[in-house]
Protein backbone atom coordinates (compact mmCIF):
# COMPACT_ATOMS: atom_id res chain seq x y z
CA MET A 1 94.25 97.03 84.37
CA PHE A 2 97.03 94.67 85.37
CA GLU A 3 100.50 96.16 86.40
CA LEU A 4 103.67 94.65 87.82
CA THR A 5 107.22 96.19 88.08
CA VAL A 6 109.94 93.70 87.52
CA GLU A 7 112.25 93.29 90.59
CA ASP A 8 114.42 90.41 89.07
CA VAL A 9 114.69 88.46 85.86
CA LEU A 10 115.88 84.79 85.97
CA ARG A 11 116.64 82.61 83.07
CA ILE A 12 115.78 78.81 83.75
CA LYS A 13 117.03 76.24 81.29
CA LYS A 14 114.36 74.29 79.40
CA ARG A 15 111.62 76.46 81.05
CA GLY A 16 112.04 80.09 79.80
CA VAL A 17 112.48 83.52 81.64
CA VAL A 18 110.98 84.40 84.95
CA ALA A 19 110.14 87.94 85.94
CA THR A 20 109.58 88.46 89.70
CA GLY A 21 107.71 91.28 91.34
CA ARG A 22 104.62 92.44 93.19
CA VAL A 23 101.47 92.87 91.41
CA ALA A 24 100.43 96.51 91.87
CA SER A 25 96.94 96.34 90.37
CA GLY A 26 94.61 93.94 88.63
CA THR A 27 94.90 90.17 88.08
CA VAL A 28 97.04 88.04 85.77
CA GLY A 29 96.65 84.33 84.85
CA VAL A 30 98.35 81.60 82.90
CA GLY A 31 97.62 82.35 79.22
CA ASP A 32 96.97 86.00 79.54
CA ARG A 33 98.58 88.38 77.09
CA VAL A 34 100.63 91.18 78.65
CA VAL A 35 102.85 93.97 77.30
CA VAL A 36 106.40 94.86 78.15
CA GLY A 37 107.82 97.93 76.62
CA GLY A 38 105.55 97.82 73.66
CA THR A 39 106.26 94.01 73.07
CA PRO A 40 103.36 91.68 73.54
CA LEU A 41 104.13 88.36 75.53
CA VAL A 42 102.08 85.39 76.79
CA VAL A 43 102.31 84.33 80.45
CA THR A 44 103.12 80.66 80.38
CA GLY A 45 103.12 80.19 84.20
CA VAL A 46 102.43 81.94 87.58
CA GLU A 47 104.20 80.96 90.71
CA MET A 48 104.01 82.19 94.26
CA PHE A 49 106.62 80.94 96.75
CA ARG A 50 107.46 77.97 94.68
CA LYS A 51 103.78 76.79 94.17
CA LYS A 52 102.10 76.98 90.84
CA VAL A 53 98.85 78.98 90.78
CA ASP A 54 96.38 79.79 88.19
CA SER A 55 96.27 83.57 88.83
CA ALA A 56 97.55 86.32 90.99
CA SER A 57 95.93 89.56 92.12
CA ALA A 58 97.00 92.92 93.48
CA GLY A 59 99.41 92.57 96.35
CA ASP A 60 100.73 89.24 95.61
CA THR A 61 104.57 88.63 95.15
CA VAL A 62 104.84 86.38 92.10
CA GLY A 63 107.07 85.01 89.36
CA LEU A 64 105.60 84.98 85.83
CA LEU A 65 107.07 82.66 83.35
CA PHE A 66 107.65 83.58 79.77
CA ASP A 67 109.32 81.82 76.85
CA ASP A 68 113.00 82.34 76.22
CA ALA A 69 112.49 85.23 73.61
CA ALA A 70 111.27 87.55 76.54
CA HIS A 71 114.87 87.69 77.91
CA GLU A 72 115.81 90.70 75.68
CA VAL A 73 112.77 92.66 76.74
CA LEU A 74 112.63 91.94 80.44
CA THR A 75 114.89 93.98 82.66
CA ARG A 76 114.72 95.05 86.32
CA GLY A 77 112.42 98.14 86.48
CA ALA A 78 110.40 97.16 83.41
CA VAL A 79 106.78 97.50 83.87
CA ILE A 80 104.41 94.64 82.70
CA THR A 81 100.90 95.71 81.79
CA GLY A 82 97.78 93.88 80.84
CA ASP A 83 97.12 93.69 77.04
CA GLY A 84 95.01 96.62 76.09
CA SER A 85 96.17 98.67 79.13
CA ALA A 86 97.53 102.21 78.75
CA PRO A 87 101.24 101.95 79.12
CA PRO A 88 102.63 103.89 82.07
CA ALA A 89 103.74 107.49 81.32
CA ALA A 90 107.43 107.82 80.41
CA SER A 91 107.58 110.83 82.71
CA SER A 92 105.30 113.02 84.81
CA PRO A 93 105.28 116.75 85.04
CA ALA A 94 106.77 116.35 88.58
CA ALA A 95 109.68 114.30 87.38
CA GLU A 96 110.37 116.55 84.60
CA HIS A 97 110.40 119.60 87.04
CA LEU A 98 112.81 117.73 89.52
CA GLY A 99 115.09 116.59 86.67
CA ARG A 100 115.82 120.10 85.21
CA GLN A 101 119.19 121.60 85.84
CA ILE A 102 118.63 124.68 87.86
CA GLY A 103 121.46 127.20 87.97
CA LEU A 104 121.84 128.08 91.70
CA GLY A 105 123.73 130.85 93.10
CA GLY A 106 126.20 130.43 96.08
CA SER A 107 123.60 131.21 98.85
CA GLN A 108 120.44 129.68 97.22
CA LYS A 109 119.13 126.40 98.09
CA GLN A 110 117.35 124.08 95.54
CA ARG A 111 113.70 124.10 96.00
CA ARG A 112 111.46 121.05 95.05
CA TRP A 113 108.01 121.82 94.24
CA PHE A 114 105.45 118.85 93.94
CA GLY A 115 102.25 120.88 93.24
CA ARG A 116 100.22 120.76 90.02
CA GLY A 117 100.37 123.43 87.46
């Protein structure tokens, strides 16, 4: 299962849109189908430190090239996943718990609980 969180998005004239980031898991190559926010895209190029490569694997910092239509979908923080991979959860139980508005009295401190259940 391929996954990459977008750190930056660059638009290059006559080439397309480049999304940069570090590959969190899996591998990606030229011609692979990926999904960004429910929109399927095709990787037209993979570059690492200004060198064109055929594929990238977990831990590599890469730039993925897409066609110009991808500019509306790609934003900083977006998660690119492999085609057929489960999309990341919108929120986890811990995030929901921390995001709640808790009414605290004057002498109470906010407590954060990271356990399950």
